[in-house]
Amino acid sequence: MATSVKGEEGAPKGESAGHGAASGHLAHGDPPQKDTTLQHPRCVFQIVKRHYSRYTPELVAEIAFNDLQASPHYPGGLALRFARLKRYRPDKSASDADTIDAVRAHYAAQARAAR
């Protein structure tokens, strides 16, 4: 939890001092403009929205992993060990992605190979 320390005029420290400047102005220029509508293209909301808009449910991600292990914590009953994002696959569709049945078959083959 953040705590606000009050300055001499009742404003939190930093605001009344202008981020350390004794003159009461921001050290790097004027305060940023406020956009209460969140429509300006350089508004943080719009920037984040553009960034995350490329990640859709249709985007296929290729995941690399070392092996599979049984896990009671996941609905599928399996966990990927040392999983990592290898790359996004714009050339694949969601229907091309592996199913839980394919992952279970891979787990069974892994168990047979370990014997």
PDB file of N, CA and C in Angstrom:
ATOM      1  N   MET A   1       0.842  -1.170   0.000  1.00  0.00           N
ATOM      2  CA  MET A   1       0.000   0.000   0.000  1.00  0.00           C
ATOM      3  C   MET A   1       0.885   1.230   0.000  1.00  0.00           C
ATOM      4  N   ALA A   2       0.608   2.182  -0.876  1.00  0.00           N
ATOM      5  CA  ALA A   2       1.392   3.410  -0.960  1.00  0.00           C
ATOM      6  C   ALA A   2       0.919   4.402   0.091  1.00  0.00           C
ATOM      7  N   THR A   3       1.861   5.119   0.654  1.00  0.00           N
ATOM      8  CA  THR A   3       1.549   6.134   1.648  1.00  0.00           C
ATOM      9  C   THR A   3       1.934   7.489   1.094  1.00  0.00           C
ATOM     10  N   SER A   4       1.069   8.462   1.276  1.00  0.00           N
ATOM     11  CA  SER A   4       1.339   9.814   0.800  1.00  0.00           C
ATOM     12  C   SER A   4       1.767  10.668   1.979  1.00  0.00           C
ATOM     13  N   VAL A   5       2.916  11.315   1.866  1.00  0.00           N
ATOM     14  CA  VAL A   5       3.412  12.200   2.914  1.00  0.00           C
ATOM     15  C   VAL A   5       3.043  13.617   2.532  1.00  0.00           C
ATOM     16  N   LYS A   6       2.395  14.347   3.434  1.00  0.00           N
ATOM     17  CA  LYS A   6       1.919  15.694   3.135  1.00  0.00           C
ATOM     18  C   LYS A   6       3.063  16.703   3.231  1.00  0.00           C
ATOM     19  N   GLY A   7       3.099  17.638   2.278  1.00  0.00           N
ATOM     20  CA  GLY A   7       4.067  18.723   2.283  1.00  0.00           C
ATOM     21  C   GLY A   7       3.537  19.895   3.090  1.00  0.00           C
ATOM     22  N   GLU A   8       4.199  21.016   3.007  1.00  0.00           N
ATOM     23  CA  GLU A   8       3.831  22.184   3.808  1.00  0.00           C
ATOM     24  C   GLU A   8       2.462  22.728   3.443  1.00  0.00           C
ATOM     25  N   GLU A   9       2.107  22.741   2.150  1.00  0.00           N
ATOM     26  CA  GLU A   9       0.812  23.286   1.744  1.00  0.00           C
ATOM     27  C   GLU A   9      -0.274  22.221   1.712  1.00  0.00           C
ATOM     28  N   GLY A  10      -0.010  21.028   2.183  1.00  0.00           N
ATOM     29  CA  GLY A  10      -1.005  19.970   2.218  1.00  0.00           C
ATOM     30  C   GLY A  10      -0.959  19.037   1.014  1.00  0.00           C
ATOM     31  N   ALA A  11      -0.128  19.356   0.018  1.00  0.00           N
ATOM     32  CA  ALA A  11       0.005  18.480  -1.154  1.00  0.00           C
ATOM     33  C   ALA A  11       1.043  17.413  -0.855  1.00  0.00           C
ATOM     34  N   PRO A  12       0.917  16.247  -1.458  1.00  0.00           N
ATOM     35  CA  PRO A  12       1.939  15.224  -1.254  1.00  0.00           C
ATOM     36  C   PRO A  12       3.302  15.734  -1.691  1.00  0.00           C
ATOM     37  N   LYS A  13       4.335  15.343  -0.973  1.00  0.00           N
ATOM     38  CA  LYS A  13       5.693  15.746  -1.347  1.00  0.00           C
ATOM     39  C   LYS A  13       5.979  15.256  -2.754  1.00  0.00           C
ATOM     40  N   GLY A  14       6.710  16.037  -3.502  1.00  0.00           N
ATOM     41  CA  GLY A  14       6.973  15.705  -4.898  1.00  0.00           C
ATOM     42  C   GLY A  14       6.079  16.517  -5.795  1.00  0.00           C
ATOM     43  N   GLU A  15       4.778  16.584  -5.478  1.00  0.00           N
ATOM     44  CA  GLU A  15       3.878  17.412  -6.275  1.00  0.00           C
ATOM     45  C   GLU A  15       4.135  18.884  -6.005  1.00  0.00           C
ATOM     46  N   SER A  16       4.226  19.253  -4.721  1.00  0.00           N
ATOM     47  CA  SER A  16       4.433  20.660  -4.396  1.00  0.00           C
ATOM     48  C   SER A  16       5.841  21.102  -4.764  1.00  0.00           C
ATOM     49  N   ALA A  17       6.777  20.190  -4.767  1.00  0.00           N
ATOM     50  CA  ALA A  17       8.161  20.535  -5.079  1.00  0.00           C
ATOM     51  C   ALA A  17       8.471  20.361  -6.559  1.00  0.00           C
ATOM     52  N   GLY A  18       7.542  19.879  -7.353  1.00  0.00           N
ATOM     53  CA  GLY A  18       7.775  19.699  -8.786  1.00  0.00           C
ATOM     54  C   GLY A  18       8.816  18.643  -9.072  1.00  0.00           C
ATOM     55  N   HIS A  19       8.694  17.512  -8.432  1.00  0.00           N
ATOM     56  CA  HIS A  19       9.617  16.392  -8.608  1.00  0.00           C
ATOM     57  C   HIS A  19      11.049  16.789  -8.282  1.00  0.00           C
ATOM     58  N   GLY A  20      11.230  17.514  -7.202  1.00  0.00           N
ATOM     59  CA  GLY A  20      12.574  17.849  -6.752  1.00  0.00           C
ATOM     60  C   GLY A  20      13.029  19.237  -7.123  1.00  0.00           C
ATOM     61  N   ALA A  21      12.346  19.895  -8.022  1.00  0.00           N
ATOM     62  CA  ALA A  21      12.759  21.246  -8.408  1.00  0.00           C
ATOM     63  C   ALA A  21      12.208  22.233  -7.389  1.00  0.00           C
ATOM     64  N   ALA A  22      13.029  23.154  -6.929  1.00  0.00           N
ATOM     65  CA  ALA A  22      12.609  24.125  -5.925  1.00  0.00           C
ATOM     66  C   ALA A  22      11.634  25.151  -6.481  1.00  0.00           C
ATOM     67  N   SER A  23      11.579  25.310  -7.805  1.00  0.00           N
ATOM     68  CA  SER A  23      10.727  26.332  -8.408  1.00  0.00           C
ATOM     69  C   SER A  23       9.262  25.919  -8.489  1.00  0.00           C
ATOM     70  N   GLY A  24       8.955  24.654  -8.240  1.00  0.00           N
ATOM     71  CA  GLY A  24       7.577  24.194  -8.348  1.00  0.00           C
ATOM     72  C   GLY A  24       7.205  23.741  -9.749  1.00  0.00           C
ATOM     73  N   HIS A  25       8.148  23.707 -10.678  1.00  0.00           N
ATOM     74  CA  HIS A  25       7.896  23.241 -12.043  1.00  0.00           C
ATOM     75  C   HIS A  25       8.507  21.853 -12.224  1.00  0.00           C
ATOM     76  N   LEU A  26       7.963  21.095 -13.157  1.00  0.00           N
ATOM     77  CA  LEU A  26       8.561  19.801 -13.476  1.00  0.00           C
ATOM     78  C   LEU A  26       9.936  20.024 -14.084  1.00  0.00           C
ATOM     79  N   ALA A  27      10.867  19.178 -13.756  1.00  0.00           N
ATOM     80  CA  ALA A  27      12.236  19.337 -14.238  1.00  0.00           C
ATOM     81  C   ALA A  27      12.335  19.115 -15.744  1.00  0.00           C
ATOM     82  N   HIS A  28      11.424  18.342 -16.331  1.00  0.00           N
ATOM     83  CA  HIS A  28      11.518  17.997 -17.747  1.00  0.00           C
ATOM     84  C   HIS A  28      10.532  18.762 -18.609  1.00  0.00           C
ATOM     85  N   GLY A  29       9.881  19.771 -18.081  1.00  0.00           N
ATOM     86  CA  GLY A  29       8.958  20.566 -18.882  1.00  0.00           C
ATOM     87  C   GLY A  29       7.615  20.707 -18.219  1.00  0.00           C
ATOM     88  N   ASP A  30       6.641  21.106 -19.009  1.00  0.00           N
ATOM     89  CA  ASP A  30       5.299  21.301 -18.475  1.00  0.00           C
ATOM     90  C   ASP A  30       4.629  19.967 -18.177  1.00  0.00           C
ATOM     91  N   PRO A  31       3.655  19.985 -17.279  1.00  0.00           N
ATOM     92  CA  PRO A  31       2.916  18.743 -16.997  1.00  0.00           C
ATOM     93  C   PRO A  31       2.234  18.241 -18.266  1.00  0.00           C
ATOM     94  N   PRO A  32       2.042  16.943 -18.383  1.00  0.00           N
ATOM     95  CA  PRO A  32       1.388  16.405 -19.584  1.00  0.00           C
ATOM     96  C   PRO A  32      -0.066  16.858 -19.664  1.00  0.00           C
ATOM     97  N   GLN A  33      -0.574  16.942 -20.880  1.00  0.00           N
ATOM     98  CA  GLN A  33      -1.976  17.284 -21.070  1.00  0.00           C
ATOM     99  C   GLN A  33      -2.835  16.124 -20.598  1.00  0.00           C
ATOM    100  N   LYS A  34      -3.985  16.444 -20.068  1.00  0.00           N
ATOM    101  CA  LYS A  34      -4.908  15.408 -19.619  1.00  0.00           C
ATOM    102  C   LYS A  34      -5.932  15.146 -20.708  1.00  0.00           C
ATOM    103  N   ASP A  35      -6.233  13.878 -20.941  1.00  0.00           N
ATOM    104  CA  ASP A  35      -7.243  13.484 -21.916  1.00  0.00           C
ATOM    105  C   ASP A  35      -8.269  12.633 -21.184  1.00  0.00           C
ATOM    106  N   THR A  36      -9.302  13.261 -20.678  1.00  0.00           N
ATOM    107  CA  THR A  36     -10.314  12.526 -19.917  1.00  0.00           C
ATOM    108  C   THR A  36     -11.150  11.605 -20.803  1.00  0.00           C
ATOM    109  N   THR A  37     -11.116  11.817 -22.126  1.00  0.00           N
ATOM    110  CA  THR A  37     -11.874  10.950 -23.037  1.00  0.00           C
ATOM    111  C   THR A  37     -11.093   9.690 -23.409  1.00  0.00           C
ATOM    112  N   LEU A  38      -9.782   9.709 -23.157  1.00  0.00           N
ATOM    113  CA  LEU A  38      -8.881   8.586 -23.488  1.00  0.00           C
ATOM    114  C   LEU A  38      -8.842   8.304 -24.991  1.00  0.00           C
ATOM    115  N   GLN A  39      -9.084   9.324 -25.826  1.00  0.00           N
ATOM    116  CA  GLN A  39      -9.121   9.136 -27.273  1.00  0.00           C
ATOM    117  C   GLN A  39      -7.851   9.579 -27.986  1.00  0.00           C
ATOM    118  N   HIS A  40      -7.011  10.378 -27.337  1.00  0.00           N
ATOM    119  CA  HIS A  40      -5.791  10.866 -27.992  1.00  0.00           C
ATOM    120  C   HIS A  40      -4.908   9.671 -28.345  1.00  0.00           C
ATOM    121  N   PRO A  41      -4.323   9.616 -29.556  1.00  0.00           N
ATOM    122  CA  PRO A  41      -3.532   8.453 -29.965  1.00  0.00           C
ATOM    123  C   PRO A  41      -2.309   8.199 -29.095  1.00  0.00           C
ATOM    124  N   ARG A  42      -1.790   9.218 -28.400  1.00  0.00           N
ATOM    125  CA  ARG A  42      -0.623   9.013 -27.542  1.00  0.00           C
ATOM    126  C   ARG A  42      -1.001   8.846 -26.079  1.00  0.00           C
ATOM    127  N   CYS A  43      -2.295   8.747 -25.809  1.00  0.00           N
ATOM    128  CA  CYS A  43      -2.785   8.467 -24.462  1.00  0.00           C
ATOM    129  C   CYS A  43      -2.324   7.051 -24.088  1.00  0.00           C
ATOM    130  N   VAL A  44      -1.920   6.869 -22.846  1.00  0.00           N
ATOM    131  CA  VAL A  44      -1.408   5.558 -22.415  1.00  0.00           C
ATOM    132  C   VAL A  44      -2.428   4.460 -22.702  1.00  0.00           C
ATOM    133  N   PHE A  45      -3.701   4.732 -22.482  1.00  0.00           N
ATOM    134  CA  PHE A  45      -4.731   3.733 -22.749  1.00  0.00           C
ATOM    135  C   PHE A  45      -4.705   3.293 -24.211  1.00  0.00           C
ATOM    136  N   GLN A  46      -4.597   4.246 -25.144  1.00  0.00           N
ATOM    137  CA  GLN A  46      -4.584   3.920 -26.566  1.00  0.00           C
ATOM    138  C   GLN A  46      -3.319   3.153 -26.957  1.00  0.00           C
ATOM    139  N   ILE A  47      -2.189   3.511 -26.363  1.00  0.00           N
ATOM    140  CA  ILE A  47      -0.928   2.816 -26.654  1.00  0.00           C
ATOM    141  C   ILE A  47      -1.015   1.363 -26.207  1.00  0.00           C
ATOM    142  N   VAL A  48      -1.501   1.144 -24.987  1.00  0.00           N
ATOM    143  CA  VAL A  48      -1.634  -0.224 -24.468  1.00  0.00           C
ATOM    144  C   VAL A  48      -2.652  -1.005 -25.293  1.00  0.00           C
ATOM    145  N   LYS A  49      -3.736  -0.355 -25.659  1.00  0.00           N
ATOM    146  CA  LYS A  49      -4.771  -1.010 -26.479  1.00  0.00           C
ATOM    147  C   LYS A  49      -4.201  -1.471 -27.819  1.00  0.00           C
ATOM    148  N   ARG A  50      -3.404  -0.606 -28.470  1.00  0.00           N
ATOM    149  CA  ARG A  50      -2.780  -0.995 -29.746  1.00  0.00           C
ATOM    150  C   ARG A  50      -1.809  -2.154 -29.545  1.00  0.00           C
ATOM    151  N   HIS A  51      -1.057  -2.104 -28.464  1.00  0.00           N
ATOM    152  CA  HIS A  51      -0.070  -3.158 -28.214  1.00  0.00           C
ATOM    153  C   HIS A  51      -0.751  -4.516 -28.044  1.00  0.00           C
ATOM    154  N   TYR A  52      -1.801  -4.569 -27.251  1.00  0.00           N
ATOM    155  CA  TYR A  52      -2.444  -5.851 -26.970  1.00  0.00           C
ATOM    156  C   TYR A  52      -3.439  -6.285 -28.035  1.00  0.00           C
ATOM    157  N   SER A  53      -3.810  -5.411 -28.974  1.00  0.00           N
ATOM    158  CA  SER A  53      -4.785  -5.783 -29.995  1.00  0.00           C
ATOM    159  C   SER A  53      -4.257  -6.873 -30.920  1.00  0.00           C
ATOM    160  N   ARG A  54      -2.934  -7.011 -31.005  1.00  0.00           N
ATOM    161  CA  ARG A  54      -2.387  -8.051 -31.888  1.00  0.00           C
ATOM    162  C   ARG A  54      -2.521  -9.451 -31.296  1.00  0.00           C
ATOM    163  N   TYR A  55      -2.751  -9.537 -29.987  1.00  0.00           N
ATOM    164  CA  TYR A  55      -2.877 -10.840 -29.329  1.00  0.00           C
ATOM    165  C   TYR A  55      -4.348 -11.217 -29.252  1.00  0.00           C
ATOM    166  N   THR A  56      -4.782 -11.983 -30.222  1.00  0.00           N
ATOM    167  CA  THR A  56      -6.175 -12.399 -30.312  1.00  0.00           C
ATOM    168  C   THR A  56      -6.277 -13.891 -30.026  1.00  0.00           C
ATOM    169  N   PRO A  57      -7.474 -14.380 -29.753  1.00  0.00           N
ATOM    170  CA  PRO A  57      -7.627 -15.830 -29.530  1.00  0.00           C
ATOM    171  C   PRO A  57      -7.223 -16.658 -30.752  1.00  0.00           C
ATOM    172  N   GLU A  58      -7.211 -16.027 -31.933  1.00  0.00           N
ATOM    173  CA  GLU A  58      -6.849 -16.748 -33.146  1.00  0.00           C
ATOM    174  C   GLU A  58      -5.342 -16.876 -33.324  1.00  0.00           C
ATOM    175  N   LEU A  59      -4.557 -16.101 -32.586  1.00  0.00           N
ATOM    176  CA  LEU A  59      -3.099 -16.139 -32.718  1.00  0.00           C
ATOM    177  C   LEU A  59      -2.556 -17.426 -32.106  1.00  0.00           C
ATOM    178  N   VAL A  60      -1.783 -18.172 -32.879  1.00  0.00           N
ATOM    179  CA  VAL A  60      -1.208 -19.427 -32.420  1.00  0.00           C
ATOM    180  C   VAL A  60       0.215 -19.172 -31.945  1.00  0.00           C
ATOM    181  N   ALA A  61       0.520 -19.641 -30.753  1.00  0.00           N
ATOM    182  CA  ALA A  61       1.857 -19.515 -30.191  1.00  0.00           C
ATOM    183  C   ALA A  61       2.494 -20.905 -30.145  1.00  0.00           C
ATOM    184  N   GLU A  62       3.733 -20.999 -30.568  1.00  0.00           N
ATOM    185  CA  GLU A  62       4.470 -22.260 -30.495  1.00  0.00           C
ATOM    186  C   GLU A  62       5.220 -22.277 -29.170  1.00  0.00           C
ATOM    187  N   ILE A  63       4.945 -23.284 -28.356  1.00  0.00           N
ATOM    188  CA  ILE A  63       5.530 -23.392 -27.029  1.00  0.00           C
ATOM    189  C   ILE A  63       6.534 -24.542 -27.035  1.00  0.00           C
ATOM    190  N   ALA A  64       7.742 -24.266 -26.583  1.00  0.00           N
ATOM    191  CA  ALA A  64       8.758 -25.309 -26.424  1.00  0.00           C
ATOM    192  C   ALA A  64       8.761 -25.734 -24.958  1.00  0.00           C
ATOM    193  N   PHE A  65       9.077 -26.995 -24.692  1.00  0.00           N
ATOM    194  CA  PHE A  65       9.139 -27.477 -23.312  1.00  0.00           C
ATOM    195  C   PHE A  65      10.089 -28.660 -23.248  1.00  0.00           C
ATOM    196  N   ASN A  66      10.581 -28.947 -22.044  1.00  0.00           N
ATOM    197  CA  ASN A  66      11.519 -30.068 -21.883  1.00  0.00           C
ATOM    198  C   ASN A  66      10.805 -31.402 -21.828  1.00  0.00           C
ATOM    199  N   ASP A  67       9.763 -31.487 -21.016  1.00  0.00           N
ATOM    200  CA  ASP A  67       8.968 -32.703 -20.970  1.00  0.00           C
ATOM    201  C   ASP A  67       7.638 -32.398 -20.309  1.00  0.00           C
ATOM    202  N   LEU A  68       6.810 -33.433 -20.215  1.00  0.00           N
ATOM    203  CA  LEU A  68       5.494 -33.319 -19.587  1.00  0.00           C
ATOM    204  C   LEU A  68       5.498 -34.098 -18.287  1.00  0.00           C
ATOM    205  N   GLN A  69       4.665 -33.653 -17.345  1.00  0.00           N
ATOM    206  CA  GLN A  69       4.507 -34.418 -16.116  1.00  0.00           C
ATOM    207  C   GLN A  69       3.043 -34.386 -15.703  1.00  0.00           C
ATOM    208  N   ALA A  70       2.619 -35.438 -15.002  1.00  0.00           N
ATOM    209  CA  ALA A  70       1.253 -35.482 -14.488  1.00  0.00           C
ATOM    210  C   ALA A  70       1.111 -34.406 -13.419  1.00  0.00           C
ATOM    211  N   SER A  71      -0.043 -33.754 -13.403  1.00  0.00           N
ATOM    212  CA  SER A  71      -0.275 -32.700 -12.423  1.00  0.00           C
ATOM    213  C   SER A  71      -1.750 -32.646 -12.054  1.00  0.00           C
ATOM    214  N   PRO A  72      -2.063 -32.785 -10.764  1.00  0.00           N
ATOM    215  CA  PRO A  72      -3.462 -32.683 -10.336  1.00  0.00           C
ATOM    216  C   PRO A  72      -3.963 -31.236 -10.298  1.00  0.00           C
ATOM    217  N   HIS A  73      -3.071 -30.268 -10.504  1.00  0.00           N
ATOM    218  CA  HIS A  73      -3.432 -28.858 -10.412  1.00  0.00           C
ATOM    219  C   HIS A  73      -4.107 -28.319 -11.673  1.00  0.00           C
ATOM    220  N   TYR A  74      -3.978 -29.009 -12.791  1.00  0.00           N
ATOM    221  CA  TYR A  74      -4.519 -28.513 -14.054  1.00  0.00           C
ATOM    222  C   TYR A  74      -5.649 -29.412 -14.533  1.00  0.00           C
ATOM    223  N   PRO A  75      -6.678 -28.822 -15.136  1.00  0.00           N
ATOM    224  CA  PRO A  75      -7.825 -29.628 -15.593  1.00  0.00           C
ATOM    225  C   PRO A  75      -7.435 -30.733 -16.571  1.00  0.00           C
ATOM    226  N   GLY A  76      -6.436 -30.494 -17.405  1.00  0.00           N
ATOM    227  CA  GLY A  76      -6.003 -31.519 -18.361  1.00  0.00           C
ATOM    228  C   GLY A  76      -5.183 -32.619 -17.723  1.00  0.00           C
ATOM    229  N   GLY A  77      -4.748 -32.421 -16.488  1.00  0.00           N
ATOM    230  CA  GLY A  77      -3.991 -33.444 -15.772  1.00  0.00           C
ATOM    231  C   GLY A  77      -2.513 -33.474 -16.108  1.00  0.00           C
ATOM    232  N   LEU A  78      -2.042 -32.542 -16.937  1.00  0.00           N
ATOM    233  CA  LEU A  78      -0.631 -32.522 -17.330  1.00  0.00           C
ATOM    234  C   LEU A  78      -0.061 -31.116 -17.192  1.00  0.00           C
ATOM    235  N   ALA A  79       1.245 -31.049 -16.981  1.00  0.00           N
ATOM    236  CA  ALA A  79       1.936 -29.760 -16.918  1.00  0.00           C
ATOM    237  C   ALA A  79       3.155 -29.825 -17.826  1.00  0.00           C
ATOM    238  N   LEU A  80       3.451 -28.713 -18.498  1.00  0.00           N
ATOM    239  CA  LEU A  80       4.659 -28.599 -19.314  1.00  0.00           C
ATOM    240  C   LEU A  80       5.812 -28.197 -18.401  1.00  0.00           C
ATOM    241  N   ARG A  81       6.910 -28.923 -18.471  1.00  0.00           N
ATOM    242  CA  ARG A  81       8.076 -28.574 -17.657  1.00  0.00           C
ATOM    243  C   ARG A  81       8.992 -27.658 -18.453  1.00  0.00           C
ATOM    244  N   PHE A  82       9.386 -26.558 -17.831  1.00  0.00           N
ATOM    245  CA  PHE A  82      10.267 -25.558 -18.438  1.00  0.00           C
ATOM    246  C   PHE A  82       9.702 -25.043 -19.765  1.00  0.00           C
ATOM    247  N   ALA A  83       8.422 -24.682 -19.732  1.00  0.00           N
ATOM    248  CA  ALA A  83       7.757 -24.168 -20.934  1.00  0.00           C
ATOM    249  C   ALA A  83       8.247 -22.760 -21.246  1.00  0.00           C
ATOM    250  N   ARG A  84       8.359 -22.471 -22.540  1.00  0.00           N
ATOM    251  CA  ARG A  84       8.783 -21.144 -22.977  1.00  0.00           C
ATOM    252  C   ARG A  84       8.194 -20.874 -24.361  1.00  0.00           C
ATOM    253  N   LEU A  85       7.939 -19.601 -24.608  1.00  0.00           N
ATOM    254  CA  LEU A  85       7.411 -19.198 -25.905  1.00  0.00           C
ATOM    255  C   LEU A  85       8.524 -19.290 -26.935  1.00  0.00           C
ATOM    256  N   LYS A  86       8.285 -20.068 -27.960  1.00  0.00           N
ATOM    257  CA  LYS A  86       9.284 -20.207 -29.016  1.00  0.00           C
ATOM    258  C   LYS A  86       9.061 -19.140 -30.089  1.00  0.00           C
ATOM    259  N   ARG A  87       7.812 -19.010 -30.562  1.00  0.00           N
ATOM    260  CA  ARG A  87       7.484 -17.997 -31.563  1.00  0.00           C
ATOM    261  C   ARG A  87       5.980 -17.975 -31.779  1.00  0.00           C
ATOM    262  N   TYR A  88       5.519 -16.879 -32.354  1.00  0.00           N
ATOM    263  CA  TYR A  88       4.133 -16.793 -32.788  1.00  0.00           C
ATOM    264  C   TYR A  88       4.053 -17.335 -34.208  1.00  0.00           C
ATOM    265  N   ARG A  89       2.942 -17.988 -34.517  1.00  0.00           N
ATOM    266  CA  ARG A  89       2.787 -18.642 -35.811  1.00  0.00           C
ATOM    267  C   ARG A  89       1.629 -18.024 -36.591  1.00  0.00           C
ATOM    268  N   PRO A  90       1.866 -16.897 -37.280  1.00  0.00           N
ATOM    269  CA  PRO A  90       0.786 -16.300 -38.070  1.00  0.00           C
ATOM    270  C   PRO A  90       0.384 -17.174 -39.259  1.00  0.00           C
ATOM    271  N   ASP A  91       1.245 -18.145 -39.620  1.00  0.00           N
ATOM    272  CA  ASP A  91       0.936 -19.043 -40.725  1.00  0.00           C
ATOM    273  C   ASP A  91       0.000 -20.175 -40.312  1.00  0.00           C
ATOM    274  N   LYS A  92      -0.296 -20.290 -39.017  1.00  0.00           N
ATOM    275  CA  LYS A  92      -1.182 -21.347 -38.512  1.00  0.00           C
ATOM    276  C   LYS A  92      -2.483 -20.735 -38.020  1.00  0.00           C
ATOM    277  N   SER A  93      -3.530 -21.540 -38.041  1.00  0.00           N
ATOM    278  CA  SER A  93      -4.805 -21.096 -37.481  1.00  0.00           C
ATOM    279  C   SER A  93      -5.045 -21.852 -36.176  1.00  0.00           C
ATOM    280  N   ALA A  94      -6.027 -21.399 -35.415  1.00  0.00           N
ATOM    281  CA  ALA A  94      -6.322 -22.045 -34.134  1.00  0.00           C
ATOM    282  C   ALA A  94      -6.699 -23.515 -34.339  1.00  0.00           C
ATOM    283  N   SER A  95      -7.285 -23.847 -35.470  1.00  0.00           N
ATOM    284  CA  SER A  95      -7.658 -25.246 -35.729  1.00  0.00           C
ATOM    285  C   SER A  95      -6.432 -26.130 -35.965  1.00  0.00           C
ATOM    286  N   ASP A  96      -5.267 -25.523 -36.256  1.00  0.00           N
ATOM    287  CA  ASP A  96      -4.032 -26.291 -36.445  1.00  0.00           C
ATOM    288  C   ASP A  96      -3.317 -26.583 -35.118  1.00  0.00           C
ATOM    289  N   ALA A  97      -3.722 -25.925 -34.051  1.00  0.00           N
ATOM    290  CA  ALA A  97      -3.051 -26.095 -32.759  1.00  0.00           C
ATOM    291  C   ALA A  97      -3.305 -27.500 -32.217  1.00  0.00           C
ATOM    292  N   ASP A  98      -2.368 -28.012 -31.431  1.00  0.00           N
ATOM    293  CA  ASP A  98      -2.527 -29.334 -30.818  1.00  0.00           C
ATOM    294  C   ASP A  98      -3.686 -29.330 -29.832  1.00  0.00           C
ATOM    295  N   THR A  99      -4.342 -30.453 -29.725  1.00  0.00           N
ATOM    296  CA  THR A  99      -5.423 -30.636 -28.763  1.00  0.00           C
ATOM    297  C   THR A  99      -4.868 -31.319 -27.522  1.00  0.00           C
ATOM    298  N   ILE A 100      -5.666 -31.381 -26.471  1.00  0.00           N
ATOM    299  CA  ILE A 100      -5.234 -32.061 -25.250  1.00  0.00           C
ATOM    300  C   ILE A 100      -5.014 -33.548 -25.526  1.00  0.00           C
ATOM    301  N   ASP A 101      -5.753 -34.104 -26.474  1.00  0.00           N
ATOM    302  CA  ASP A 101      -5.553 -35.521 -26.822  1.00  0.00           C
ATOM    303  C   ASP A 101      -4.167 -35.733 -27.439  1.00  0.00           C
ATOM    304  N   ALA A 102      -3.709 -34.803 -28.266  1.00  0.00           N
ATOM    305  CA  ALA A 102      -2.370 -34.903 -28.857  1.00  0.00           C
ATOM    306  C   ALA A 102      -1.301 -34.759 -27.783  1.00  0.00           C
ATOM    307  N   VAL A 103      -1.536 -33.888 -26.820  1.00  0.00           N
ATOM    308  CA  VAL A 103      -0.573 -33.710 -25.727  1.00  0.00           C
ATOM    309  C   VAL A 103      -0.528 -34.966 -24.861  1.00  0.00           C
ATOM    310  N   ARG A 104      -1.686 -35.575 -24.608  1.00  0.00           N
ATOM    311  CA  ARG A 104      -1.716 -36.830 -23.824  1.00  0.00           C
ATOM    312  C   ARG A 104      -0.999 -37.958 -24.572  1.00  0.00           C
ATOM    313  N   ALA A 105      -1.139 -38.009 -25.895  1.00  0.00           N
ATOM    314  CA  ALA A 105      -0.428 -39.024 -26.685  1.00  0.00           C
ATOM    315  C   ALA A 105       1.074 -38.793 -26.599  1.00  0.00           C
ATOM    316  N   HIS A 106       1.496 -37.535 -26.621  1.00  0.00           N
ATOM    317  CA  HIS A 106       2.912 -37.219 -26.470  1.00  0.00           C
ATOM    318  C   HIS A 106       3.422 -37.643 -25.091  1.00  0.00           C
ATOM    319  N   TYR A 107       2.598 -37.447 -24.062  1.00  0.00           N
ATOM    320  CA  TYR A 107       2.953 -37.858 -22.699  1.00  0.00           C
ATOM    321  C   TYR A 107       3.099 -39.368 -22.617  1.00  0.00           C
ATOM    322  N   ALA A 108       2.188 -40.093 -23.257  1.00  0.00           N
ATOM    323  CA  ALA A 108       2.249 -41.567 -23.241  1.00  0.00           C
ATOM    324  C   ALA A 108       3.503 -42.058 -23.953  1.00  0.00           C
ATOM    325  N   ALA A 109       3.856 -41.428 -25.079  1.00  0.00           N
ATOM    326  CA  ALA A 109       5.083 -41.811 -25.806  1.00  0.00           C
ATOM    327  C   ALA A 109       6.316 -41.488 -24.971  1.00  0.00           C
ATOM    328  N   GLN A 110       6.280 -40.379 -24.259  1.00  0.00           N
ATOM    329  CA  GLN A 110       7.395 -39.995 -23.389  1.00  0.00           C
ATOM    330  C   GLN A 110       7.566 -41.022 -22.260  1.00  0.00           C
ATOM    331  N   ALA A 111       6.452 -41.498 -21.707  1.00  0.00           N
ATOM    332  CA  ALA A 111       6.499 -42.497 -20.619  1.00  0.00           C
ATOM    333  C   ALA A 111       7.041 -43.830 -21.137  1.00  0.00           C
ATOM    334  N   ARG A 112       6.637 -44.215 -22.353  1.00  0.00           N
ATOM    335  CA  ARG A 112       7.140 -45.474 -22.946  1.00  0.00           C
ATOM    336  C   ARG A 112       8.638 -45.377 -23.206  1.00  0.00           C
ATOM    337  N   ALA A 113       9.100 -44.244 -23.674  1.00  0.00           N
ATOM    338  CA  ALA A 113      10.530 -44.063 -23.986  1.00  0.00           C
ATOM    339  C   ALA A 113      11.384 -44.050 -22.723  1.00  0.00           C
ATOM    340  N   ALA A 114      10.803 -43.681 -21.604  1.00  0.00           N
ATOM    341  CA  ALA A 114      11.561 -43.617 -20.345  1.00  0.00           C
ATOM    342  C   ALA A 114      11.763 -44.986 -19.722  1.00  0.00           C
ATOM    343  N   ARG A 115      11.018 -45.979 -20.169  1.00  0.00           N
ATOM    344  CA  ARG A 115      11.126 -47.343 -19.588  1.00  0.00           C
ATOM    345  C   ARG A 115      12.351 -48.040 -20.026  1.00  0.00           C
TER     346      ARG A 115
END
